[in-house]
Amino acid sequence: MYLFGKGVKRVEDVEITPGRKEIIFTTTHNQSVLKWLRENGFHESFIEDITSEEQTITFEREENFDLVIFKYIGFDEEEKLLYQELNIVAIVTQSKFFLLARDKEVIVELARKFEKRYRKDYNFEYVLYLIADILVDTTILVVDVIDETLEDIEDAIFKKRIKEEELQKDIYYTRRTLNRISKISIHHKEIVRRLYNSFSEEIKKQLKYEFIDLEEHLKYLIDEAKTLLDRTGYLLNLYMGLISTTMNRAMQRLAAISIIFMPITYLAGLYGMNFDQMPLIHSPWGFWIMVAFNIVVVMVSLILLRKMKFL
């Protein structure tokens, strides 16, 4: 658990002080926080909602608290292009700000990034902005990694260093991740707009440019995800085009070989017929003349095929 007040504390468990302004980062199964929520009138169904990963991105304003659910996107530990998606739950009361997530590693990452930008005079509205901005910046890093990976895949395709099965798997994971990033960013953009509109006029004036910047970053994510999706289609077409070119070249070589041996095969078949009266059939030089003639035919065929760039 991370406790932000006058300073920053990292403790396994902490007693939540009534009336004191506190910002608490912890997991959704932290019993101290769940106990505090129950004791302060939060219904059991509400607690079930915030601990469930099935909840969608949302913003709810109740009489005694605000609830905002964001989405955190990170890469899977085993597959470099497959994303993992986690709920980030922000509960804001008059004196408490809770940020909850299922995974401890995610809470630690968010707390460290938040600590670098946190000042004790920040109000809870600004804290909400910081959390949203950190999550958006994290997603931008994911998109940048995908962009670099697609460049590597493109180089591998040109250098023929990638297998078809590996390419199909990478493209599938990439498209799946980018589709989800696009959808999540669209939802985040709507929530950010609703969140900003819920603030007082004074807070709106204070955070106007911060939220404009946040919406621009979300718009960038949406546009970049669509651009990279188009790029994955281009990479598949590029790979299939190179395979097609390779196959055409192979067929061209086979056709060239067939052209070279076609006259030889014809002559062999012609002289294989059982007729007594044929040119050179009784000549002692007949065999060597035919061999020389075949060699000339092969050489002429090779020269012509090279000029026609068949070989």
C-alpha atoms as a PDB file:
ATOM      1  CA  MET A   1       0.000   0.000   0.000  1.00  0.00           C
ATOM      2  CA  TYR A   2       1.164   3.532  -0.793  1.00  0.00           C
ATOM      3  CA  LEU A   3      -0.085   6.417   1.341  1.00  0.00           C
ATOM      4  CA  PHE A   4       0.295   9.947  -0.023  1.00  0.00           C
ATOM      5  CA  GLY A   5      -0.288  12.724   2.465  1.00  0.00           C
ATOM      6  CA  LYS A   6       2.322  15.153   3.684  1.00  0.00           C
ATOM      7  CA  GLY A   7       4.806  12.633   2.390  1.00  0.00           C
ATOM      8  CA  VAL A   8       4.866   9.215   0.796  1.00  0.00           C
ATOM      9  CA  LYS A   9       4.701   6.003   2.804  1.00  0.00           C
ATOM     10  CA  ARG A  10       4.872   2.428   1.618  1.00  0.00           C
ATOM     11  CA  VAL A  11       3.426   0.069   4.194  1.00  0.00           C
ATOM     12  CA  GLU A  12       1.855  -3.385   4.190  1.00  0.00           C
ATOM     13  CA  ASP A  13      -1.123  -2.160   6.163  1.00  0.00           C
ATOM     14  CA  VAL A  14      -2.183   1.239   7.431  1.00  0.00           C
ATOM     15  CA  GLU A  15      -4.890   2.638   9.621  1.00  0.00           C
ATOM     16  CA  ILE A  16      -7.064   4.986   7.602  1.00  0.00           C
ATOM     17  CA  THR A  17      -7.454   8.185   9.638  1.00  0.00           C
ATOM     18  CA  PRO A  18     -10.953   9.737   9.612  1.00  0.00           C
ATOM     19  CA  GLY A  19     -11.074  13.327   8.362  1.00  0.00           C
ATOM     20  CA  ARG A  20      -7.459  13.454   7.180  1.00  0.00           C
ATOM     21  CA  LYS A  21      -6.790  14.035   3.510  1.00  0.00           C
ATOM     22  CA  GLU A  22      -5.159  10.866   2.218  1.00  0.00           C
ATOM     23  CA  ILE A  23      -4.358   9.365  -1.172  1.00  0.00           C
ATOM     24  CA  ILE A  24      -4.077   5.589  -0.994  1.00  0.00           C
ATOM     25  CA  PHE A  25      -2.758   3.259  -3.696  1.00  0.00           C
ATOM     26  CA  THR A  26      -3.437  -0.412  -3.022  1.00  0.00           C
ATOM     27  CA  THR A  27      -4.934  -3.606  -4.407  1.00  0.00           C
ATOM     28  CA  THR A  28      -8.652  -4.322  -4.696  1.00  0.00           C
ATOM     29  CA  HIS A  29      -8.388  -7.105  -2.110  1.00  0.00           C
ATOM     30  CA  ASN A  30      -6.818  -4.941   0.606  1.00  0.00           C
ATOM     31  CA  GLN A  31      -8.945  -5.731   3.652  1.00  0.00           C
ATOM     32  CA  SER A  32      -8.257  -2.423   5.434  1.00  0.00           C
ATOM     33  CA  VAL A  33      -9.693  -0.454   2.529  1.00  0.00           C
ATOM     34  CA  LEU A  34     -12.649  -2.816   2.049  1.00  0.00           C
ATOM     35  CA  LYS A  35     -13.416  -2.597   5.769  1.00  0.00           C
ATOM     36  CA  TRP A  36     -13.288   1.222   5.651  1.00  0.00           C
ATOM     37  CA  LEU A  37     -15.641   1.260   2.642  1.00  0.00           C
ATOM     38  CA  ARG A  38     -18.149  -0.971   4.430  1.00  0.00           C
ATOM     39  CA  GLU A  39     -17.983   1.104   7.603  1.00  0.00           C
ATOM     40  CA  ASN A  40     -18.618   4.288   5.620  1.00  0.00           C
ATOM     41  CA  GLY A  41     -21.827   3.151   3.969  1.00  0.00           C
ATOM     42  CA  PHE A  42     -20.584   1.572   0.772  1.00  0.00           C
ATOM     43  CA  HIS A  43     -22.943  -1.246  -0.182  1.00  0.00           C
ATOM     44  CA  GLU A  44     -21.677  -4.791  -0.645  1.00  0.00           C
ATOM     45  CA  SER A  45     -22.760  -4.792  -4.296  1.00  0.00           C
ATOM     46  CA  PHE A  46     -20.605  -1.710  -4.875  1.00  0.00           C
ATOM     47  CA  ILE A  47     -17.593  -3.501  -3.394  1.00  0.00           C
ATOM     48  CA  GLU A  48     -18.277  -6.489  -5.649  1.00  0.00           C
ATOM     49  CA  ASP A  49     -18.363  -4.156  -8.639  1.00  0.00           C
ATOM     50  CA  ILE A  50     -15.013  -2.506  -7.928  1.00  0.00           C
ATOM     51  CA  THR A  51     -13.304  -5.861  -7.358  1.00  0.00           C
ATOM     52  CA  SER A  52     -14.626  -7.349 -10.607  1.00  0.00           C
ATOM     53  CA  GLU A  53     -12.572  -7.149 -13.806  1.00  0.00           C
ATOM     54  CA  GLU A  54     -15.803  -7.385 -15.800  1.00  0.00           C
ATOM     55  CA  GLN A  55     -16.648  -3.747 -15.064  1.00  0.00           C
ATOM     56  CA  THR A  56     -16.338  -1.402 -18.018  1.00  0.00           C
ATOM     57  CA  ILE A  57     -14.849   2.091 -18.114  1.00  0.00           C
ATOM     58  CA  THR A  58     -17.225   4.381 -16.275  1.00  0.00           C
ATOM     59  CA  PHE A  59     -17.724   7.560 -14.283  1.00  0.00           C
ATOM     60  CA  GLU A  60     -20.387   7.759 -11.594  1.00  0.00           C
ATOM     61  CA  ARG A  61     -21.133  10.636  -9.261  1.00  0.00           C
ATOM     62  CA  GLU A  62     -23.003   9.784  -6.085  1.00  0.00           C
ATOM     63  CA  GLU A  63     -23.910  11.937  -3.095  1.00  0.00           C
ATOM     64  CA  ASN A  64     -20.857  11.027  -1.017  1.00  0.00           C
ATOM     65  CA  PHE A  65     -18.305   9.885  -3.567  1.00  0.00           C
ATOM     66  CA  ASP A  66     -17.171   9.768  -7.187  1.00  0.00           C
ATOM     67  CA  LEU A  67     -16.266   6.512  -8.899  1.00  0.00           C
ATOM     68  CA  VAL A  68     -14.059   6.375 -11.977  1.00  0.00           C
ATOM     69  CA  ILE A  69     -12.932   3.130 -13.621  1.00  0.00           C
ATOM     70  CA  PHE A  70     -10.077   3.371 -16.105  1.00  0.00           C
ATOM     71  CA  LYS A  71      -8.297   0.633 -18.031  1.00  0.00           C
ATOM     72  CA  TYR A  72      -4.605  -0.162 -17.747  1.00  0.00           C
ATOM     73  CA  ILE A  73      -2.981  -1.738 -20.799  1.00  0.00           C
ATOM     74  CA  GLY A  74       0.312  -3.584 -20.598  1.00  0.00           C
ATOM     75  CA  PHE A  75       1.996  -6.395 -22.463  1.00  0.00           C
ATOM     76  CA  ASP A  76       1.630 -10.029 -21.527  1.00  0.00           C
ATOM     77  CA  GLU A  77       4.718 -11.536 -19.890  1.00  0.00           C
ATOM     78  CA  GLU A  78       4.891 -14.436 -22.355  1.00  0.00           C
ATOM     79  CA  GLU A  79       3.791 -12.855 -25.649  1.00  0.00           C
ATOM     80  CA  LYS A  80       5.444  -9.560 -26.577  1.00  0.00           C
ATOM     81  CA  LEU A  81       2.532  -8.298 -28.707  1.00  0.00           C
ATOM     82  CA  LEU A  82      -0.360  -9.632 -26.630  1.00  0.00           C
ATOM     83  CA  TYR A  83      -1.826  -7.124 -24.191  1.00  0.00           C
ATOM     84  CA  GLN A  84      -3.196  -7.530 -20.693  1.00  0.00           C
ATOM     85  CA  GLU A  85      -6.034  -5.357 -19.524  1.00  0.00           C
ATOM     86  CA  LEU A  86      -6.754  -4.401 -15.912  1.00  0.00           C
ATOM     87  CA  ASN A  87      -9.290  -2.180 -14.216  1.00  0.00           C
ATOM     88  CA  ILE A  88      -7.955   0.858 -12.365  1.00  0.00           C
ATOM     89  CA  VAL A  89     -10.560   2.002  -9.844  1.00  0.00           C
ATOM     90  CA  ALA A  90     -10.530   5.531  -8.431  1.00  0.00           C
ATOM     91  CA  ILE A  91     -12.860   6.272  -5.489  1.00  0.00           C
ATOM     92  CA  VAL A  92     -12.981   9.895  -4.388  1.00  0.00           C
ATOM     93  CA  THR A  93     -14.652  10.982  -1.144  1.00  0.00           C
ATOM     94  CA  GLN A  94     -14.448  14.274   0.686  1.00  0.00           C
ATOM     95  CA  SER A  95     -11.155  13.398   2.406  1.00  0.00           C
ATOM     96  CA  LYS A  96      -9.986  10.170   0.774  1.00  0.00           C
ATOM     97  CA  PHE A  97      -8.724   9.186  -2.658  1.00  0.00           C
ATOM     98  CA  PHE A  98      -8.391   5.458  -3.260  1.00  0.00           C
ATOM     99  CA  LEU A  99      -6.691   4.024  -6.318  1.00  0.00           C
ATOM    100  CA  LEU A 100      -7.212   0.281  -6.585  1.00  0.00           C
ATOM    101  CA  ALA A 101      -6.061  -2.442  -8.982  1.00  0.00           C
ATOM    102  CA  ARG A 102      -6.002  -6.219  -8.892  1.00  0.00           C
ATOM    103  CA  ASP A 103      -2.245  -6.655  -9.454  1.00  0.00           C
ATOM    104  CA  LYS A 104       0.252  -5.381  -6.943  1.00  0.00           C
ATOM    105  CA  GLU A 105       2.886  -4.856  -9.672  1.00  0.00           C
ATOM    106  CA  VAL A 106       0.589  -2.446 -11.502  1.00  0.00           C
ATOM    107  CA  ILE A 107      -0.097  -0.474  -8.293  1.00  0.00           C
ATOM    108  CA  VAL A 108       3.643  -0.240  -7.629  1.00  0.00           C
ATOM    109  CA  GLU A 109       4.278   1.017 -11.181  1.00  0.00           C
ATOM    110  CA  LEU A 110       1.503   3.630 -11.006  1.00  0.00           C
ATOM    111  CA  ALA A 111       2.566   4.761  -7.512  1.00  0.00           C
ATOM    112  CA  ARG A 112       6.156   5.303  -8.609  1.00  0.00           C
ATOM    113  CA  LYS A 113       5.117   7.330 -11.633  1.00  0.00           C
ATOM    114  CA  PHE A 114       2.607   9.285  -9.530  1.00  0.00           C
ATOM    115  CA  GLU A 115       5.198  10.012  -6.833  1.00  0.00           C
ATOM    116  CA  LYS A 116       7.451  11.772  -9.360  1.00  0.00           C
ATOM    117  CA  ARG A 117       4.674  14.247 -10.214  1.00  0.00           C
ATOM    118  CA  TYR A 118       2.850  14.519  -6.894  1.00  0.00           C
ATOM    119  CA  ARG A 119       2.736  17.625  -4.712  1.00  0.00           C
ATOM    120  CA  LYS A 120       0.938  17.706  -1.381  1.00  0.00           C
ATOM    121  CA  ASP A 121      -1.068  20.817  -2.323  1.00  0.00           C
ATOM    122  CA  TYR A 122      -2.766  19.042  -5.247  1.00  0.00           C
ATOM    123  CA  ASN A 123      -6.541  18.714  -4.982  1.00  0.00           C
ATOM    124  CA  PHE A 124      -8.295  15.445  -5.791  1.00  0.00           C
ATOM    125  CA  GLU A 125      -9.437  16.738  -9.199  1.00  0.00           C
ATOM    126  CA  TYR A 126      -5.833  17.270 -10.197  1.00  0.00           C
ATOM    127  CA  VAL A 127      -4.945  13.837  -8.832  1.00  0.00           C
ATOM    128  CA  LEU A 128      -7.612  12.323 -11.119  1.00  0.00           C
ATOM    129  CA  TYR A 129      -6.054  14.144 -14.048  1.00  0.00           C
ATOM    130  CA  LEU A 130      -2.601  12.820 -13.109  1.00  0.00           C
ATOM    131  CA  ILE A 131      -3.874   9.227 -12.937  1.00  0.00           C
ATOM    132  CA  ALA A 132      -5.573   9.519 -16.325  1.00  0.00           C
ATOM    133  CA  ASP A 133      -2.458  11.116 -17.832  1.00  0.00           C
ATOM    134  CA  ILE A 134      -0.185   8.386 -16.445  1.00  0.00           C
ATOM    135  CA  LEU A 135      -2.439   5.668 -17.877  1.00  0.00           C
ATOM    136  CA  VAL A 136      -2.545   7.375 -21.274  1.00  0.00           C
ATOM    137  CA  ASP A 137       1.253   7.800 -21.296  1.00  0.00           C
ATOM    138  CA  THR A 138       1.619   4.100 -20.442  1.00  0.00           C
ATOM    139  CA  THR A 139      -0.619   3.180 -23.380  1.00  0.00           C
ATOM    140  CA  ILE A 140       1.404   5.449 -25.686  1.00  0.00           C
ATOM    141  CA  LEU A 141       4.520   3.500 -24.687  1.00  0.00           C
ATOM    142  CA  VAL A 142       2.724   0.280 -25.646  1.00  0.00           C
ATOM    143  CA  VAL A 143       1.838   1.752 -29.042  1.00  0.00           C
ATOM    144  CA  ASP A 144       5.449   2.889 -29.548  1.00  0.00           C
ATOM    145  CA  VAL A 145       6.678  -0.644 -28.820  1.00  0.00           C
ATOM    146  CA  ILE A 146       4.191  -2.033 -31.360  1.00  0.00           C
ATOM    147  CA  ASP A 147       5.380   0.518 -33.935  1.00  0.00           C
ATOM    148  CA  GLU A 148       9.018  -0.492 -33.447  1.00  0.00           C
ATOM    149  CA  THR A 149       8.108  -4.189 -33.568  1.00  0.00           C
ATOM    150  CA  LEU A 150       6.259  -3.729 -36.856  1.00  0.00           C
ATOM    151  CA  GLU A 151       9.364  -2.064 -38.286  1.00  0.00           C
ATOM    152  CA  ASP A 152      11.420  -5.087 -37.204  1.00  0.00           C
ATOM    153  CA  ILE A 153       8.854  -7.420 -38.782  1.00  0.00           C
ATOM    154  CA  GLU A 154       9.018  -5.447 -42.040  1.00  0.00           C
ATOM    155  CA  ASP A 155      12.822  -5.743 -42.087  1.00  0.00           C
ATOM    156  CA  ALA A 156      12.560  -9.473 -41.330  1.00  0.00           C
ATOM    157  CA  ILE A 157      10.123  -9.940 -44.220  1.00  0.00           C
ATOM    158  CA  PHE A 158      12.482  -8.262 -46.697  1.00  0.00           C
ATOM    159  CA  LYS A 159      15.460 -10.232 -45.384  1.00  0.00           C
ATOM    160  CA  LYS A 160      13.375 -13.453 -45.360  1.00  0.00           C
ATOM    161  CA  ARG A 161      14.145 -14.101 -41.690  1.00  0.00           C
ATOM    162  CA  ILE A 162      10.614 -14.751 -40.494  1.00  0.00           C
ATOM    163  CA  LYS A 163       8.452 -17.843 -40.774  1.00  0.00           C
ATOM    164  CA  GLU A 164       4.878 -17.645 -41.980  1.00  0.00           C
ATOM    165  CA  GLU A 165       3.470 -19.093 -38.722  1.00  0.00           C
ATOM    166  CA  GLU A 166       5.407 -16.568 -36.625  1.00  0.00           C
ATOM    167  CA  LEU A 167       4.294 -13.673 -38.837  1.00  0.00           C
ATOM    168  CA  GLN A 168       0.637 -14.687 -38.663  1.00  0.00           C
ATOM    169  CA  LYS A 169       0.796 -14.995 -34.872  1.00  0.00           C
ATOM    170  CA  ASP A 170       2.488 -11.588 -34.456  1.00  0.00           C
ATOM    171  CA  ILE A 171       0.012  -9.880 -36.783  1.00  0.00           C
ATOM    172  CA  TYR A 172      -2.935 -11.501 -34.989  1.00  0.00           C
ATOM    173  CA  TYR A 173      -1.733 -10.368 -31.558  1.00  0.00           C
ATOM    174  CA  THR A 174      -0.896  -6.893 -32.862  1.00  0.00           C
ATOM    175  CA  ARG A 175      -4.306  -6.363 -34.464  1.00  0.00           C
ATOM    176  CA  ARG A 176      -6.051  -7.647 -31.351  1.00  0.00           C
ATOM    177  CA  THR A 177      -4.077  -5.273 -29.115  1.00  0.00           C
ATOM    178  CA  LEU A 178      -4.516  -2.260 -31.403  1.00  0.00           C
ATOM    179  CA  ASN A 179      -8.264  -2.838 -31.723  1.00  0.00           C
ATOM    180  CA  ARG A 180      -8.580  -2.923 -27.954  1.00  0.00           C
ATOM    181  CA  ILE A 181      -6.405   0.173 -27.495  1.00  0.00           C
ATOM    182  CA  SER A 182      -8.575   2.067 -29.965  1.00  0.00           C
ATOM    183  CA  LYS A 183     -11.809   1.085 -28.195  1.00  0.00           C
ATOM    184  CA  ILE A 184     -10.425   1.816 -24.722  1.00  0.00           C
ATOM    185  CA  SER A 185      -9.066   5.201 -25.832  1.00  0.00           C
ATOM    186  CA  ILE A 186     -12.464   6.156 -27.258  1.00  0.00           C
ATOM    187  CA  HIS A 187     -14.124   5.254 -23.941  1.00  0.00           C
ATOM    188  CA  HIS A 188     -11.423   7.070 -21.971  1.00  0.00           C
ATOM    189  CA  LYS A 189     -11.934  10.177 -24.089  1.00  0.00           C
ATOM    190  CA  GLU A 190     -15.648  10.183 -23.280  1.00  0.00           C
ATOM    191  CA  ILE A 191     -15.012   9.631 -19.562  1.00  0.00           C
ATOM    192  CA  VAL A 192     -12.379  12.389 -19.463  1.00  0.00           C
ATOM    193  CA  ARG A 193     -14.855  14.796 -21.053  1.00  0.00           C
ATOM    194  CA  ARG A 194     -17.587  13.880 -18.568  1.00  0.00           C
ATOM    195  CA  LEU A 195     -15.138  14.114 -15.683  1.00  0.00           C
ATOM    196  CA  TYR A 196     -14.028  17.596 -16.708  1.00  0.00           C
ATOM    197  CA  ASN A 197     -17.624  18.785 -17.126  1.00  0.00           C
ATOM    198  CA  SER A 198     -18.431  17.590 -13.591  1.00  0.00           C
ATOM    199  CA  PHE A 199     -15.874  19.951 -12.029  1.00  0.00           C
ATOM    200  CA  SER A 200     -16.684  23.360 -10.617  1.00  0.00           C
ATOM    201  CA  GLU A 201     -15.995  26.407 -12.775  1.00  0.00           C
ATOM    202  CA  GLU A 202     -12.933  27.249 -10.703  1.00  0.00           C
ATOM    203  CA  ILE A 203     -11.438  23.769 -11.173  1.00  0.00           C
ATOM    204  CA  LYS A 204     -12.318  23.819 -14.872  1.00  0.00           C
ATOM    205  CA  LYS A 205     -10.395  27.042 -15.294  1.00  0.00           C
ATOM    206  CA  GLN A 206      -7.453  25.630 -13.342  1.00  0.00           C
ATOM    207  CA  LEU A 207      -7.262  22.363 -15.307  1.00  0.00           C
ATOM    208  CA  LYS A 208      -8.454  23.550 -18.708  1.00  0.00           C
ATOM    209  CA  TYR A 209      -5.165  23.129 -20.583  1.00  0.00           C
ATOM    210  CA  GLU A 210      -4.261  19.898 -18.798  1.00  0.00           C
ATOM    211  CA  PHE A 211      -7.471  18.251 -19.995  1.00  0.00           C
ATOM    212  CA  ILE A 212      -7.071  19.675 -23.492  1.00  0.00           C
ATOM    213  CA  ASP A 213      -3.621  18.065 -23.606  1.00  0.00           C
ATOM    214  CA  LEU A 214      -5.071  14.805 -22.254  1.00  0.00           C
ATOM    215  CA  GLU A 215      -7.754  14.695 -24.951  1.00  0.00           C
ATOM    216  CA  GLU A 216      -5.148  15.376 -27.634  1.00  0.00           C
ATOM    217  CA  HIS A 217      -3.094  12.421 -26.382  1.00  0.00           C
ATOM    218  CA  LEU A 218      -6.179  10.207 -26.490  1.00  0.00           C
ATOM    219  CA  LYS A 219      -6.942  11.387 -30.013  1.00  0.00           C
ATOM    220  CA  TYR A 220      -3.358  10.559 -30.967  1.00  0.00           C
ATOM    221  CA  LEU A 221      -3.789   7.043 -29.550  1.00  0.00           C
ATOM    222  CA  ILE A 222      -6.995   6.475 -31.524  1.00  0.00           C
ATOM    223  CA  ASP A 223      -5.438   7.725 -34.780  1.00  0.00           C
ATOM    224  CA  GLU A 224      -2.151   5.886 -34.258  1.00  0.00           C
ATOM    225  CA  ALA A 225      -3.929   2.621 -33.480  1.00  0.00           C
ATOM    226  CA  LYS A 226      -5.868   2.893 -36.737  1.00  0.00           C
ATOM    227  CA  THR A 227      -2.684   3.737 -38.669  1.00  0.00           C
ATOM    228  CA  LEU A 228      -0.842   0.735 -37.246  1.00  0.00           C
ATOM    229  CA  LEU A 229      -3.826  -1.497 -37.984  1.00  0.00           C
ATOM    230  CA  ASP A 230      -3.560  -0.458 -41.634  1.00  0.00           C
ATOM    231  CA  ARG A 231       0.159  -1.168 -41.466  1.00  0.00           C
ATOM    232  CA  THR A 232      -0.424  -4.754 -40.310  1.00  0.00           C
ATOM    233  CA  GLY A 233      -2.558  -5.285 -43.410  1.00  0.00           C
ATOM    234  CA  TYR A 234       0.249  -3.845 -45.536  1.00  0.00           C
ATOM    235  CA  LEU A 235       2.771  -6.233 -43.935  1.00  0.00           C
ATOM    236  CA  LEU A 236       0.586  -9.242 -44.693  1.00  0.00           C
ATOM    237  CA  ASN A 237       0.186  -8.095 -48.301  1.00  0.00           C
ATOM    238  CA  LEU A 238       3.924  -7.481 -48.508  1.00  0.00           C
ATOM    239  CA  TYR A 239       4.713 -10.977 -47.261  1.00  0.00           C
ATOM    240  CA  MET A 240       2.208 -12.608 -49.607  1.00  0.00           C
ATOM    241  CA  GLY A 241       3.559 -10.500 -52.479  1.00  0.00           C
ATOM    242  CA  LEU A 242       7.119 -11.667 -51.798  1.00  0.00           C
ATOM    243  CA  ILE A 243       5.953 -15.287 -51.602  1.00  0.00           C
ATOM    244  CA  SER A 244       4.121 -14.821 -54.900  1.00  0.00           C
ATOM    245  CA  THR A 245       7.239 -13.309 -56.486  1.00  0.00           C
ATOM    246  CA  THR A 246       9.355 -16.224 -55.238  1.00  0.00           C
ATOM    247  CA  MET A 247       6.858 -18.728 -56.623  1.00  0.00           C
ATOM    248  CA  ASN A 248       6.766 -16.920 -59.972  1.00  0.00           C
ATOM    249  CA  ARG A 249      10.546 -16.997 -60.191  1.00  0.00           C
ATOM    250  CA  ALA A 250      10.561 -20.730 -59.442  1.00  0.00           C
ATOM    251  CA  MET A 251       7.927 -21.354 -62.111  1.00  0.00           C
ATOM    252  CA  GLN A 252       9.912 -19.200 -64.536  1.00  0.00           C
ATOM    253  CA  ARG A 253      13.038 -21.301 -63.958  1.00  0.00           C
ATOM    254  CA  LEU A 254      11.071 -24.506 -64.439  1.00  0.00           C
ATOM    255  CA  ALA A 255       9.642 -23.130 -67.681  1.00  0.00           C
ATOM    256  CA  ALA A 256      13.145 -22.192 -68.843  1.00  0.00           C
ATOM    257  CA  ILE A 257      14.419 -25.704 -68.120  1.00  0.00           C
ATOM    258  CA  SER A 258      11.464 -27.138 -70.053  1.00  0.00           C
ATOM    259  CA  ILE A 259      12.266 -24.885 -73.023  1.00  0.00           C
ATOM    260  CA  ILE A 260      15.909 -26.005 -73.024  1.00  0.00           C
ATOM    261  CA  PHE A 261      15.084 -29.711 -73.024  1.00  0.00           C
ATOM    262  CA  MET A 262      12.074 -29.537 -75.327  1.00  0.00           C
ATOM    263  CA  PRO A 263      14.029 -29.720 -78.661  1.00  0.00           C
ATOM    264  CA  ILE A 264      16.355 -32.374 -77.236  1.00  0.00           C
ATOM    265  CA  THR A 265      13.370 -34.440 -76.137  1.00  0.00           C
ATOM    266  CA  TYR A 266      11.800 -34.016 -79.562  1.00  0.00           C
ATOM    267  CA  LEU A 267      14.928 -35.237 -81.369  1.00  0.00           C
ATOM    268  CA  ALA A 268      15.351 -38.150 -78.951  1.00  0.00           C
ATOM    269  CA  GLY A 269      11.771 -39.201 -79.600  1.00  0.00           C
ATOM    270  CA  LEU A 270      12.146 -38.750 -83.358  1.00  0.00           C
ATOM    271  CA  TYR A 271      15.271 -40.864 -83.612  1.00  0.00           C
ATOM    272  CA  GLY A 272      13.798 -43.431 -81.258  1.00  0.00           C
ATOM    273  CA  MET A 273      11.295 -44.529 -83.918  1.00  0.00           C
ATOM    274  CA  ASN A 274      12.030 -47.846 -85.605  1.00  0.00           C
ATOM    275  CA  PHE A 275      12.494 -46.734 -89.240  1.00  0.00           C
ATOM    276  CA  ASP A 276      15.364 -47.933 -91.358  1.00  0.00           C
ATOM    277  CA  GLN A 277      15.582 -44.906 -93.626  1.00  0.00           C
ATOM    278  CA  MET A 278      16.483 -41.909 -91.412  1.00  0.00           C
ATOM    279  CA  PRO A 279      19.230 -39.278 -91.813  1.00  0.00           C
ATOM    280  CA  LEU A 280      22.552 -40.329 -90.270  1.00  0.00           C
ATOM    281  CA  ILE A 281      21.025 -43.627 -89.081  1.00  0.00           C
ATOM    282  CA  HIS A 282      23.809 -45.687 -90.685  1.00  0.00           C
ATOM    283  CA  SER A 283      26.583 -43.079 -90.488  1.00  0.00           C
ATOM    284  CA  PRO A 284      29.497 -43.867 -88.132  1.00  0.00           C
ATOM    285  CA  TRP A 285      29.451 -40.130 -87.159  1.00  0.00           C
ATOM    286  CA  GLY A 286      25.686 -39.911 -86.736  1.00  0.00           C
ATOM    287  CA  PHE A 287      25.666 -40.247 -82.958  1.00  0.00           C
ATOM    288  CA  TRP A 288      28.346 -37.583 -82.428  1.00  0.00           C
ATOM    289  CA  ILE A 289      26.707 -35.226 -84.897  1.00  0.00           C
ATOM    290  CA  MET A 290      23.429 -35.465 -82.941  1.00  0.00           C
ATOM    291  CA  VAL A 291      25.265 -34.916 -79.646  1.00  0.00           C
ATOM    292  CA  ALA A 292      26.983 -31.820 -81.076  1.00  0.00           C
ATOM    293  CA  PHE A 293      23.670 -30.594 -82.491  1.00  0.00           C
ATOM    294  CA  ASN A 294      21.989 -31.003 -79.072  1.00  0.00           C
ATOM    295  CA  ILE A 295      24.810 -29.085 -77.372  1.00  0.00           C
ATOM    296  CA  VAL A 296      24.378 -26.241 -79.869  1.00  0.00           C
ATOM    297  CA  VAL A 297      20.617 -26.219 -79.256  1.00  0.00           C
ATOM    298  CA  VAL A 298      21.154 -26.058 -75.484  1.00  0.00           C
ATOM    299  CA  MET A 299      23.702 -23.199 -75.806  1.00  0.00           C
ATOM    300  CA  VAL A 300      21.459 -21.180 -78.142  1.00  0.00           C
ATOM    301  CA  SER A 301      18.491 -21.731 -75.789  1.00  0.00           C
ATOM    302  CA  LEU A 302      20.533 -20.557 -72.787  1.00  0.00           C
ATOM    303  CA  ILE A 303      21.687 -17.406 -74.609  1.00  0.00           C
ATOM    304  CA  LEU A 304      18.148 -16.543 -75.721  1.00  0.00           C
ATOM    305  CA  LEU A 305      16.675 -17.210 -72.272  1.00  0.00           C
ATOM    306  CA  ARG A 306      19.290 -15.030 -70.590  1.00  0.00           C
ATOM    307  CA  LYS A 307      18.567 -12.189 -73.010  1.00  0.00           C
ATOM    308  CA  MET A 308      14.868 -12.585 -72.207  1.00  0.00           C
ATOM    309  CA  LYS A 309      15.817 -12.625 -68.457  1.00  0.00           C
ATOM    310  CA  PHE A 310      14.238 -16.012 -67.874  1.00  0.00           C
ATOM    311  CA  LEU A 311      17.419 -17.093 -66.139  1.00  0.00           C
END
